[in-house]
Amino acid sequence: MVSVSPFLDAMNNMSQIKKVETVLPIARMTVNMTPLVTGDHVALQTAITSPKSFDRDLCKVLLARSEFVGEHATEKKINFNEFTDSISNIDKLSLIWGLYKASYDNLSDEREIICKNENCKEKIKVPISMDDLIHEDTFTVWDKTDDNDEFISFNKYRYVITIERDDYIYEFNSRIPSIMDNNRMLGMLSTDALQHNLDTIGSVFTKPQHMTNLVDAVRLSSKSKKIDTVETTNLDEMLLSFQNYLPDQVSTSFFKKYGEHFDMYTPKFYYNATCPVCNNKFKHTIDLETEFFLTALYGDRGSI
């Protein structure tokens, strides 16, 4: 790289001195994360009025602060489309953990949590470091194989979930969405709709929208041949059908079966707490995406 200025070169080198290694269990990659810089924080605060813009800009920051190591190391920086297509939306949580640790060290110097003992409910304040959130069961490495027992990457793997209801058979081609898939789903919804979801249900996606993000094809058939077999891979059609026509019992069964097959791969970030009053030991679960959103909204929360 051509030197532009000794001062700028020194500042650039300083910004990358601290590196935190994190594992992407679904993409099966190892990444070094470098700290947020002031411009990153400004960009995230600017985009925070829209969940759609914030997620896109967060992914841009994650890419800018990522350094792929091992067999995935490359001299050429991968572009945004390559990054979002090859990394699962689940792995984004691991990247956020690495970025948070590189930038702040601690999740909080004094976090108030409540004892889970129903007979106690004591409020306690504890320091929580980012390392406190990592345990033996935090990550499960992607290990799916195809019909020939050959390893298959998450973005090629599909699991058919079949649900029968009366005479009808619903078949869902389920998947783990990539960051690109998640961004595409966000792009289908207006900023007002996303904000309404956050205000009313505390989540970016409604149940039908979330379900649409987890499948890429749906097939409907009849045991008695009352209807011709129909199927679609069109996201708009799937979203409209899940919202307006799919029986709630079917969607409930879908999420149950999907969770049984895929939930093991979602990282488990939690703090092992002990109540000083009743000595109850319990897990305090941390939602890293929400934590990072609040960090972008309110600033450095490492000392809160």
C-alpha atoms as a PDB file:
ATOM      1  CA  MET A   1       0.000   0.000   0.000  1.00  0.00           C
ATOM      2  CA  VAL A   2       1.358   3.427  -1.004  1.00  0.00           C
ATOM      3  CA  SER A   3       2.057   5.691   1.965  1.00  0.00           C
ATOM      4  CA  VAL A   4      -0.133   8.795   1.902  1.00  0.00           C
ATOM      5  CA  SER A   5       1.066  10.390   5.084  1.00  0.00           C
ATOM      6  CA  PRO A   6       3.217   9.152   7.978  1.00  0.00           C
ATOM      7  CA  PHE A   7       0.626  10.541  10.381  1.00  0.00           C
ATOM      8  CA  LEU A   8      -2.328   8.848   8.650  1.00  0.00           C
ATOM      9  CA  ASP A   9      -0.357   5.612   8.354  1.00  0.00           C
ATOM     10  CA  ALA A  10       0.353   5.698  12.091  1.00  0.00           C
ATOM     11  CA  MET A  11      -3.302   6.418  12.942  1.00  0.00           C
ATOM     12  CA  ASN A  12      -4.445   3.568  10.681  1.00  0.00           C
ATOM     13  CA  ASN A  13      -1.997   1.145  12.289  1.00  0.00           C
ATOM     14  CA  MET A  14      -3.122   2.188  15.766  1.00  0.00           C
ATOM     15  CA  SER A  15      -6.768   1.507  14.908  1.00  0.00           C
ATOM     16  CA  GLN A  16      -5.893  -2.097  14.070  1.00  0.00           C
ATOM     17  CA  ILE A  17      -3.509  -2.951  16.919  1.00  0.00           C
ATOM     18  CA  LYS A  18      -6.229  -4.592  19.015  1.00  0.00           C
ATOM     19  CA  LYS A  19      -7.725  -7.647  17.343  1.00  0.00           C
ATOM     20  CA  VAL A  20     -10.272 -10.059  18.779  1.00  0.00           C
ATOM     21  CA  GLU A  21     -10.670 -13.529  17.315  1.00  0.00           C
ATOM     22  CA  THR A  22     -14.189 -14.822  16.888  1.00  0.00           C
ATOM     23  CA  VAL A  23     -15.598 -17.992  15.363  1.00  0.00           C
ATOM     24  CA  LEU A  24     -18.359 -18.115  12.758  1.00  0.00           C
ATOM     25  CA  PRO A  25     -19.817 -21.573  13.496  1.00  0.00           C
ATOM     26  CA  ILE A  26     -22.171 -21.733  10.514  1.00  0.00           C
ATOM     27  CA  ALA A  27     -19.796 -20.403   7.847  1.00  0.00           C
ATOM     28  CA  ARG A  28     -16.978 -22.345   9.589  1.00  0.00           C
ATOM     29  CA  MET A  29     -14.606 -19.401   9.488  1.00  0.00           C
ATOM     30  CA  THR A  30     -12.360 -17.592  11.935  1.00  0.00           C
ATOM     31  CA  VAL A  31     -12.322 -13.797  11.888  1.00  0.00           C
ATOM     32  CA  ASN A  32     -10.252 -11.154  13.658  1.00  0.00           C
ATOM     33  CA  MET A  33     -12.303  -8.098  14.576  1.00  0.00           C
ATOM     34  CA  THR A  34     -10.803  -4.623  15.032  1.00  0.00           C
ATOM     35  CA  PRO A  35     -12.425  -1.845  17.108  1.00  0.00           C
ATOM     36  CA  LEU A  36     -15.082   0.576  15.943  1.00  0.00           C
ATOM     37  CA  VAL A  37     -13.780   3.957  14.836  1.00  0.00           C
ATOM     38  CA  THR A  38     -15.584   7.276  15.302  1.00  0.00           C
ATOM     39  CA  GLY A  39     -16.856   7.284  11.727  1.00  0.00           C
ATOM     40  CA  ASP A  40     -18.518   3.893  12.248  1.00  0.00           C
ATOM     41  CA  HIS A  41     -20.450   5.181  15.233  1.00  0.00           C
ATOM     42  CA  VAL A  42     -21.571   8.283  13.332  1.00  0.00           C
ATOM     43  CA  ALA A  43     -22.763   6.135  10.399  1.00  0.00           C
ATOM     44  CA  LEU A  44     -24.753   3.832  12.700  1.00  0.00           C
ATOM     45  CA  GLN A  45     -26.346   6.721  14.583  1.00  0.00           C
ATOM     46  CA  THR A  46     -27.344   8.317  11.268  1.00  0.00           C
ATOM     47  CA  ALA A  47     -29.012   5.088  10.114  1.00  0.00           C
ATOM     48  CA  ILE A  48     -30.693   4.253  13.402  1.00  0.00           C
ATOM     49  CA  THR A  49     -34.041   5.865  12.532  1.00  0.00           C
ATOM     50  CA  SER A  50     -34.664   2.989  10.106  1.00  0.00           C
ATOM     51  CA  PRO A  51     -34.190  -0.706  11.062  1.00  0.00           C
ATOM     52  CA  LYS A  52     -33.575  -1.411   7.368  1.00  0.00           C
ATOM     53  CA  SER A  53     -30.814   1.192   7.046  1.00  0.00           C
ATOM     54  CA  PHE A  54     -29.307   0.277  10.409  1.00  0.00           C
ATOM     55  CA  ASP A  55     -28.977  -3.410   9.538  1.00  0.00           C
ATOM     56  CA  ARG A  56     -27.381  -2.598   6.173  1.00  0.00           C
ATOM     57  CA  ASP A  57     -24.928  -0.119   7.693  1.00  0.00           C
ATOM     58  CA  LEU A  58     -24.159  -2.482  10.584  1.00  0.00           C
ATOM     59  CA  CYS A  59     -23.207  -5.166   8.049  1.00  0.00           C
ATOM     60  CA  LYS A  60     -20.963  -2.659   6.256  1.00  0.00           C
ATOM     61  CA  VAL A  61     -19.239  -1.887   9.565  1.00  0.00           C
ATOM     62  CA  LEU A  62     -18.859  -5.580  10.377  1.00  0.00           C
ATOM     63  CA  LEU A  63     -17.228  -6.177   6.989  1.00  0.00           C
ATOM     64  CA  ALA A  64     -14.912  -3.182   7.361  1.00  0.00           C
ATOM     65  CA  ARG A  65     -13.740  -4.394  10.792  1.00  0.00           C
ATOM     66  CA  SER A  66     -13.343  -8.066   9.775  1.00  0.00           C
ATOM     67  CA  GLU A  67     -10.076  -9.768   8.896  1.00  0.00           C
ATOM     68  CA  PHE A  68     -10.553 -13.345   7.728  1.00  0.00           C
ATOM     69  CA  VAL A  69      -7.802 -15.702   8.869  1.00  0.00           C
ATOM     70  CA  GLY A  70      -6.669 -19.255   8.165  1.00  0.00           C
ATOM     71  CA  GLU A  71      -7.780 -20.892   4.921  1.00  0.00           C
ATOM     72  CA  HIS A  72     -10.247 -18.054   4.311  1.00  0.00           C
ATOM     73  CA  ALA A  73      -7.578 -15.332   4.467  1.00  0.00           C
ATOM     74  CA  THR A  74      -7.311 -13.338   1.268  1.00  0.00           C
ATOM     75  CA  GLU A  75      -5.206 -10.438   0.133  1.00  0.00           C
ATOM     76  CA  LYS A  76      -8.177  -9.039  -1.754  1.00  0.00           C
ATOM     77  CA  LYS A  77     -10.909  -7.648   0.503  1.00  0.00           C
ATOM     78  CA  ILE A  78     -14.196  -9.356  -0.260  1.00  0.00           C
ATOM     79  CA  ASN A  79     -16.983  -7.044  -1.357  1.00  0.00           C
ATOM     80  CA  PHE A  80     -20.271  -6.449   0.415  1.00  0.00           C
ATOM     81  CA  ASN A  81     -22.290  -8.858  -1.744  1.00  0.00           C
ATOM     82  CA  GLU A  82     -19.761 -11.679  -1.281  1.00  0.00           C
ATOM     83  CA  PHE A  83     -19.736 -11.052   2.458  1.00  0.00           C
ATOM     84  CA  THR A  84     -23.518 -11.032   2.919  1.00  0.00           C
ATOM     85  CA  ASP A  85     -23.998 -14.067   0.679  1.00  0.00           C
ATOM     86  CA  SER A  86     -21.350 -16.268   2.344  1.00  0.00           C
ATOM     87  CA  ILE A  87     -22.089 -15.425   5.994  1.00  0.00           C
ATOM     88  CA  SER A  88     -25.245 -16.615   7.734  1.00  0.00           C
ATOM     89  CA  ASN A  89     -27.453 -14.214   9.632  1.00  0.00           C
ATOM     90  CA  ILE A  90     -26.744 -16.346  12.712  1.00  0.00           C
ATOM     91  CA  ASP A  91     -22.989 -15.763  12.291  1.00  0.00           C
ATOM     92  CA  LYS A  92     -23.668 -12.035  12.411  1.00  0.00           C
ATOM     93  CA  LEU A  93     -24.125 -12.482  16.182  1.00  0.00           C
ATOM     94  CA  SER A  94     -20.567 -13.821  16.487  1.00  0.00           C
ATOM     95  CA  LEU A  95     -19.244 -10.854  14.508  1.00  0.00           C
ATOM     96  CA  ILE A  96     -21.125  -8.470  16.800  1.00  0.00           C
ATOM     97  CA  TRP A  97     -19.608 -10.194  19.852  1.00  0.00           C
ATOM     98  CA  GLY A  98     -16.096  -9.773  18.403  1.00  0.00           C
ATOM     99  CA  LEU A  99     -16.693  -6.155  17.431  1.00  0.00           C
ATOM    100  CA  TYR A 100     -18.163  -5.370  20.855  1.00  0.00           C
ATOM    101  CA  LYS A 101     -15.208  -6.969  22.671  1.00  0.00           C
ATOM    102  CA  ALA A 102     -12.641  -5.252  20.463  1.00  0.00           C
ATOM    103  CA  SER A 103     -14.332  -1.889  21.015  1.00  0.00           C
ATOM    104  CA  TYR A 104     -15.469  -1.977  24.646  1.00  0.00           C
ATOM    105  CA  ASP A 105     -14.060  -5.065  26.463  1.00  0.00           C
ATOM    106  CA  ASN A 106     -17.054  -5.102  28.806  1.00  0.00           C
ATOM    107  CA  LEU A 107     -20.725  -5.467  28.051  1.00  0.00           C
ATOM    108  CA  SER A 108     -21.287  -3.426  31.199  1.00  0.00           C
ATOM    109  CA  ASP A 109     -19.334  -2.393  34.283  1.00  0.00           C
ATOM    110  CA  GLU A 110     -22.527  -2.505  36.335  1.00  0.00           C
ATOM    111  CA  ARG A 111     -25.553  -4.324  34.906  1.00  0.00           C
ATOM    112  CA  GLU A 112     -28.700  -4.743  36.966  1.00  0.00           C
ATOM    113  CA  ILE A 113     -30.192  -8.222  36.731  1.00  0.00           C
ATOM    114  CA  ILE A 114     -32.977  -9.892  38.679  1.00  0.00           C
ATOM    115  CA  CYS A 115     -32.674 -13.200  40.520  1.00  0.00           C
ATOM    116  CA  LYS A 116     -34.821 -15.875  38.856  1.00  0.00           C
ATOM    117  CA  ASN A 117     -35.803 -17.461  42.170  1.00  0.00           C
ATOM    118  CA  GLU A 118     -39.548 -16.762  42.408  1.00  0.00           C
ATOM    119  CA  ASN A 119     -39.238 -16.436  46.189  1.00  0.00           C
ATOM    120  CA  CYS A 120     -36.407 -13.916  45.949  1.00  0.00           C
ATOM    121  CA  LYS A 121     -36.429 -11.673  42.844  1.00  0.00           C
ATOM    122  CA  GLU A 122     -33.528  -9.689  44.298  1.00  0.00           C
ATOM    123  CA  LYS A 123     -32.113  -6.990  42.025  1.00  0.00           C
ATOM    124  CA  ILE A 124     -28.341  -7.275  41.834  1.00  0.00           C
ATOM    125  CA  LYS A 125     -25.677  -5.282  40.007  1.00  0.00           C
ATOM    126  CA  VAL A 126     -22.765  -7.090  38.406  1.00  0.00           C
ATOM    127  CA  PRO A 127     -19.933  -6.316  35.968  1.00  0.00           C
ATOM    128  CA  ILE A 128     -20.217  -8.370  32.774  1.00  0.00           C
ATOM    129  CA  SER A 129     -17.261  -8.761  30.436  1.00  0.00           C
ATOM    130  CA  MET A 130     -17.647 -10.024  26.891  1.00  0.00           C
ATOM    131  CA  ASP A 131     -15.634 -13.127  27.830  1.00  0.00           C
ATOM    132  CA  ASP A 132     -18.231 -13.879  30.540  1.00  0.00           C
ATOM    133  CA  LEU A 133     -20.730 -14.586  27.738  1.00  0.00           C
ATOM    134  CA  ILE A 134     -18.710 -17.406  26.163  1.00  0.00           C
ATOM    135  CA  HIS A 135     -19.167 -20.985  27.434  1.00  0.00           C
ATOM    136  CA  GLU A 136     -18.619 -24.529  26.209  1.00  0.00           C
ATOM    137  CA  ASP A 137     -22.163 -24.636  24.833  1.00  0.00           C
ATOM    138  CA  THR A 138     -22.121 -21.180  23.201  1.00  0.00           C
ATOM    139  CA  PHE A 139     -21.220 -22.370  19.698  1.00  0.00           C
ATOM    140  CA  THR A 140     -22.253 -25.432  17.719  1.00  0.00           C
ATOM    141  CA  VAL A 141     -20.324 -25.834  14.479  1.00  0.00           C
ATOM    142  CA  TRP A 142     -22.310 -26.440  11.293  1.00  0.00           C
ATOM    143  CA  ASP A 143     -21.970 -30.128  10.405  1.00  0.00           C
ATOM    144  CA  LYS A 144     -24.725 -30.998   7.938  1.00  0.00           C
ATOM    145  CA  THR A 145     -24.095 -33.489   5.136  1.00  0.00           C
ATOM    146  CA  ASP A 146     -25.884 -34.376   1.908  1.00  0.00           C
ATOM    147  CA  ASP A 147     -27.338 -37.732   0.842  1.00  0.00           C
ATOM    148  CA  ASN A 148     -23.827 -38.966   0.014  1.00  0.00           C
ATOM    149  CA  ASP A 149     -22.604 -38.041   3.496  1.00  0.00           C
ATOM    150  CA  GLU A 150     -20.562 -35.176   2.019  1.00  0.00           C
ATOM    151  CA  PHE A 151     -20.325 -31.887   3.900  1.00  0.00           C
ATOM    152  CA  ILE A 152     -22.752 -29.260   2.598  1.00  0.00           C
ATOM    153  CA  SER A 153     -22.486 -25.536   3.321  1.00  0.00           C
ATOM    154  CA  PHE A 154     -25.366 -23.762   5.049  1.00  0.00           C
ATOM    155  CA  ASN A 155     -26.318 -21.734   1.956  1.00  0.00           C
ATOM    156  CA  LYS A 156     -26.815 -24.917  -0.090  1.00  0.00           C
ATOM    157  CA  TYR A 157     -28.492 -26.973   2.625  1.00  0.00           C
ATOM    158  CA  ARG A 158     -32.281 -27.301   2.660  1.00  0.00           C
ATOM    159  CA  TYR A 159     -34.469 -29.209   5.108  1.00  0.00           C
ATOM    160  CA  VAL A 160     -37.994 -30.101   4.013  1.00  0.00           C
ATOM    161  CA  ILE A 161     -40.543 -29.632   6.779  1.00  0.00           C
ATOM    162  CA  THR A 162     -43.759 -31.541   6.044  1.00  0.00           C
ATOM    163  CA  ILE A 163     -46.982 -30.743   7.892  1.00  0.00           C
ATOM    164  CA  GLU A 164     -50.282 -32.495   7.293  1.00  0.00           C
ATOM    165  CA  ARG A 165     -53.596 -30.872   8.127  1.00  0.00           C
ATOM    166  CA  ASP A 166     -56.772 -32.746   7.253  1.00  0.00           C
ATOM    167  CA  ASP A 167     -56.532 -33.590   3.550  1.00  0.00           C
ATOM    168  CA  TYR A 168     -53.726 -31.162   2.797  1.00  0.00           C
ATOM    169  CA  ILE A 169     -49.950 -31.518   2.877  1.00  0.00           C
ATOM    170  CA  TYR A 170     -47.721 -28.460   3.306  1.00  0.00           C
ATOM    171  CA  GLU A 171     -44.043 -28.819   2.440  1.00  0.00           C
ATOM    172  CA  PHE A 172     -41.619 -26.035   3.344  1.00  0.00           C
ATOM    173  CA  ASN A 173     -38.079 -25.852   1.963  1.00  0.00           C
ATOM    174  CA  SER A 174     -36.441 -24.466   5.095  1.00  0.00           C
ATOM    175  CA  ARG A 175     -32.982 -22.959   5.435  1.00  0.00           C
ATOM    176  CA  ILE A 176     -30.668 -20.859   7.562  1.00  0.00           C
ATOM    177  CA  PRO A 177     -30.840 -17.421   5.924  1.00  0.00           C
ATOM    178  CA  SER A 178     -27.678 -15.592   4.930  1.00  0.00           C
ATOM    179  CA  ILE A 179     -27.163 -11.943   5.813  1.00  0.00           C
ATOM    180  CA  MET A 180     -28.177 -11.209   2.206  1.00  0.00           C
ATOM    181  CA  ASP A 181     -31.425 -13.164   2.636  1.00  0.00           C
ATOM    182  CA  ASN A 182     -32.202 -11.234   5.800  1.00  0.00           C
ATOM    183  CA  ASN A 183     -31.452  -7.907   4.108  1.00  0.00           C
ATOM    184  CA  ARG A 184     -33.671  -8.906   1.183  1.00  0.00           C
ATOM    185  CA  MET A 185     -36.532  -9.605   3.583  1.00  0.00           C
ATOM    186  CA  LEU A 186     -35.991  -6.253   5.289  1.00  0.00           C
ATOM    187  CA  GLY A 187     -36.069  -4.602   1.865  1.00  0.00           C
ATOM    188  CA  MET A 188     -39.547  -5.995   1.196  1.00  0.00           C
ATOM    189  CA  LEU A 189     -40.982  -4.068   4.137  1.00  0.00           C
ATOM    190  CA  SER A 190     -41.453  -0.349   4.556  1.00  0.00           C
ATOM    191  CA  THR A 191     -39.656   1.525   7.320  1.00  0.00           C
ATOM    192  CA  ASP A 192     -43.061   2.281   8.892  1.00  0.00           C
ATOM    193  CA  ALA A 193     -43.977  -1.419   8.900  1.00  0.00           C
ATOM    194  CA  LEU A 194     -40.661  -2.376  10.522  1.00  0.00           C
ATOM    195  CA  GLN A 195     -41.013   0.351  13.129  1.00  0.00           C
ATOM    196  CA  HIS A 196     -44.584  -0.797  13.841  1.00  0.00           C
ATOM    197  CA  ASN A 197     -43.291  -4.332  14.413  1.00  0.00           C
ATOM    198  CA  LEU A 198     -40.698  -3.085  16.886  1.00  0.00           C
ATOM    199  CA  ASP A 199     -43.255  -0.947  18.720  1.00  0.00           C
ATOM    200  CA  THR A 200     -45.966  -3.606  18.952  1.00  0.00           C
ATOM    201  CA  ILE A 201     -44.219  -6.980  19.206  1.00  0.00           C
ATOM    202  CA  GLY A 202     -40.638  -5.987  20.061  1.00  0.00           C
ATOM    203  CA  SER A 203     -39.243  -7.744  16.991  1.00  0.00           C
ATOM    204  CA  VAL A 204     -38.252  -6.631  13.503  1.00  0.00           C
ATOM    205  CA  PHE A 205     -40.346  -9.333  11.797  1.00  0.00           C
ATOM    206  CA  THR A 206     -43.876 -10.562  12.424  1.00  0.00           C
ATOM    207  CA  LYS A 207     -44.485 -14.309  12.523  1.00  0.00           C
ATOM    208  CA  PRO A 208     -45.390 -14.543   8.776  1.00  0.00           C
ATOM    209  CA  GLN A 209     -42.427 -12.336   7.805  1.00  0.00           C
ATOM    210  CA  HIS A 210     -40.021 -14.369   9.936  1.00  0.00           C
ATOM    211  CA  MET A 211     -41.348 -17.585   8.431  1.00  0.00           C
ATOM    212  CA  THR A 212     -40.849 -16.221   4.913  1.00  0.00           C
ATOM    213  CA  ASN A 213     -37.224 -15.491   5.780  1.00  0.00           C
ATOM    214  CA  LEU A 214     -36.679 -19.116   6.817  1.00  0.00           C
ATOM    215  CA  VAL A 215     -37.931 -20.802   3.618  1.00  0.00           C
ATOM    216  CA  ASP A 216     -37.248 -20.474  -0.087  1.00  0.00           C
ATOM    217  CA  ALA A 217     -40.032 -22.681  -1.473  1.00  0.00           C
ATOM    218  CA  VAL A 218     -43.466 -23.956  -0.445  1.00  0.00           C
ATOM    219  CA  ARG A 219     -45.478 -26.832  -1.899  1.00  0.00           C
ATOM    220  CA  LEU A 220     -49.166 -27.576  -1.268  1.00  0.00           C
ATOM    221  CA  SER A 221     -50.786 -30.869  -2.242  1.00  0.00           C
ATOM    222  CA  SER A 222     -53.861 -32.946  -1.417  1.00  0.00           C
ATOM    223  CA  LYS A 223     -53.967 -36.566  -0.291  1.00  0.00           C
ATOM    224  CA  SER A 224     -57.236 -37.140  -2.144  1.00  0.00           C
ATOM    225  CA  LYS A 225     -56.125 -35.087  -5.169  1.00  0.00           C
ATOM    226  CA  LYS A 226     -58.899 -32.522  -4.546  1.00  0.00           C
ATOM    227  CA  ILE A 227     -56.517 -29.845  -5.787  1.00  0.00           C
ATOM    228  CA  ASP A 228     -53.628 -29.860  -8.192  1.00  0.00           C
ATOM    229  CA  THR A 229     -50.248 -29.690  -6.505  1.00  0.00           C
ATOM    230  CA  VAL A 230     -48.979 -26.107  -6.477  1.00  0.00           C
ATOM    231  CA  GLU A 231     -45.712 -24.585  -5.343  1.00  0.00           C
ATOM    232  CA  THR A 232     -43.877 -21.274  -5.321  1.00  0.00           C
ATOM    233  CA  THR A 233     -40.431 -19.827  -4.774  1.00  0.00           C
ATOM    234  CA  ASN A 234     -41.707 -16.254  -4.999  1.00  0.00           C
ATOM    235  CA  LEU A 235     -41.062 -14.369  -1.737  1.00  0.00           C
ATOM    236  CA  ASP A 236     -44.019 -12.024  -2.244  1.00  0.00           C
ATOM    237  CA  GLU A 237     -46.381 -14.957  -2.784  1.00  0.00           C
ATOM    238  CA  MET A 238     -45.055 -16.773   0.272  1.00  0.00           C
ATOM    239  CA  LEU A 239     -45.369 -13.688   2.462  1.00  0.00           C
ATOM    240  CA  LEU A 240     -48.933 -12.963   1.322  1.00  0.00           C
ATOM    241  CA  SER A 241     -50.003 -16.593   1.730  1.00  0.00           C
ATOM    242  CA  PHE A 242     -48.457 -16.926   5.201  1.00  0.00           C
ATOM    243  CA  GLN A 243     -50.090 -13.676   6.276  1.00  0.00           C
ATOM    244  CA  ASN A 244     -53.568 -14.274   4.850  1.00  0.00           C
ATOM    245  CA  TYR A 245     -54.138 -17.980   4.179  1.00  0.00           C
ATOM    246  CA  LEU A 246     -51.855 -20.250   6.186  1.00  0.00           C
ATOM    247  CA  PRO A 247     -53.595 -21.831   9.221  1.00  0.00           C
ATOM    248  CA  ASP A 248     -51.986 -20.733  12.465  1.00  0.00           C
ATOM    249  CA  GLN A 249     -51.735 -24.359  13.559  1.00  0.00           C
ATOM    250  CA  VAL A 250     -49.533 -25.073  10.518  1.00  0.00           C
ATOM    251  CA  SER A 251     -47.203 -22.138  11.166  1.00  0.00           C
ATOM    252  CA  THR A 252     -46.929 -23.123  14.845  1.00  0.00           C
ATOM    253  CA  SER A 253     -45.966 -26.672  13.828  1.00  0.00           C
ATOM    254  CA  PHE A 254     -43.477 -25.269  11.322  1.00  0.00           C
ATOM    255  CA  PHE A 255     -41.627 -23.188  13.927  1.00  0.00           C
ATOM    256  CA  LYS A 256     -41.552 -26.144  16.329  1.00  0.00           C
ATOM    257  CA  LYS A 257     -39.996 -28.455  13.725  1.00  0.00           C
ATOM    258  CA  TYR A 258     -37.666 -25.742  12.455  1.00  0.00           C
ATOM    259  CA  GLY A 259     -36.422 -25.073  15.984  1.00  0.00           C
ATOM    260  CA  GLU A 260     -35.833 -28.765  16.654  1.00  0.00           C
ATOM    261  CA  HIS A 261     -33.626 -28.959  13.561  1.00  0.00           C
ATOM    262  CA  PHE A 262     -31.825 -25.602  13.535  1.00  0.00           C
ATOM    263  CA  ASP A 263     -31.947 -23.917  16.970  1.00  0.00           C
ATOM    264  CA  MET A 264     -28.847 -25.769  18.177  1.00  0.00           C
ATOM    265  CA  TYR A 265     -26.761 -23.619  15.816  1.00  0.00           C
ATOM    266  CA  THR A 266     -27.808 -20.270  17.294  1.00  0.00           C
ATOM    267  CA  PRO A 267     -25.029 -19.005  19.617  1.00  0.00           C
ATOM    268  CA  LYS A 268     -25.977 -18.961  23.297  1.00  0.00           C
ATOM    269  CA  PHE A 269     -24.632 -15.809  24.938  1.00  0.00           C
ATOM    270  CA  TYR A 270     -25.376 -15.703  28.656  1.00  0.00           C
ATOM    271  CA  TYR A 271     -23.923 -14.682  31.995  1.00  0.00           C
ATOM    272  CA  ASN A 272     -23.680 -17.188  34.859  1.00  0.00           C
ATOM    273  CA  ALA A 273     -25.026 -15.306  37.866  1.00  0.00           C
ATOM    274  CA  THR A 274     -25.247 -16.097  41.566  1.00  0.00           C
ATOM    275  CA  CYS A 275     -27.677 -14.250  43.813  1.00  0.00           C
ATOM    276  CA  PRO A 276     -25.875 -12.978  46.962  1.00  0.00           C
ATOM    277  CA  VAL A 277     -29.128 -13.155  48.948  1.00  0.00           C
ATOM    278  CA  CYS A 278     -30.498 -16.645  48.261  1.00  0.00           C
ATOM    279  CA  ASN A 279     -27.407 -18.155  46.565  1.00  0.00           C
ATOM    280  CA  ASN A 280     -29.493 -19.126  43.532  1.00  0.00           C
ATOM    281  CA  LYS A 281     -27.410 -19.807  40.431  1.00  0.00           C
ATOM    282  CA  PHE A 282     -29.017 -18.868  37.120  1.00  0.00           C
ATOM    283  CA  LYS A 283     -28.307 -17.904  33.520  1.00  0.00           C
ATOM    284  CA  HIS A 284     -28.882 -14.314  32.438  1.00  0.00           C
ATOM    285  CA  THR A 285     -29.364 -14.372  28.642  1.00  0.00           C
ATOM    286  CA  ILE A 286     -27.940 -11.527  26.563  1.00  0.00           C
ATOM    287  CA  ASP A 287     -29.452 -10.360  23.249  1.00  0.00           C
ATOM    288  CA  LEU A 288     -26.330  -9.022  21.526  1.00  0.00           C
ATOM    289  CA  GLU A 289     -28.155  -7.431  18.583  1.00  0.00           C
ATOM    290  CA  THR A 290     -30.315  -5.394  20.965  1.00  0.00           C
ATOM    291  CA  GLU A 291     -27.277  -4.511  23.078  1.00  0.00           C
ATOM    292  CA  PHE A 292     -25.421  -3.242  20.047  1.00  0.00           C
ATOM    293  CA  PHE A 293     -28.457  -1.302  18.829  1.00  0.00           C
ATOM    294  CA  LEU A 294     -28.636   0.451  22.206  1.00  0.00           C
ATOM    295  CA  THR A 295     -24.901   1.136  22.059  1.00  0.00           C
ATOM    296  CA  ALA A 296     -25.344   2.833  18.684  1.00  0.00           C
ATOM    297  CA  LEU A 297     -28.359   4.738  20.000  1.00  0.00           C
ATOM    298  CA  TYR A 298     -26.934   5.970  23.287  1.00  0.00           C
ATOM    299  CA  GLY A 299     -23.193   5.803  22.735  1.00  0.00           C
ATOM    300  CA  ASP A 300     -20.506   3.870  24.635  1.00  0.00           C
ATOM    301  CA  ARG A 301     -22.365   1.690  27.126  1.00  0.00           C
ATOM    302  CA  GLY A 302     -19.242  -0.160  28.253  1.00  0.00           C
ATOM    303  CA  SER A 303     -19.290   1.692  31.558  1.00  0.00           C
ATOM    304  CA  ILE A 304     -23.057   1.568  32.139  1.00  0.00           C
END
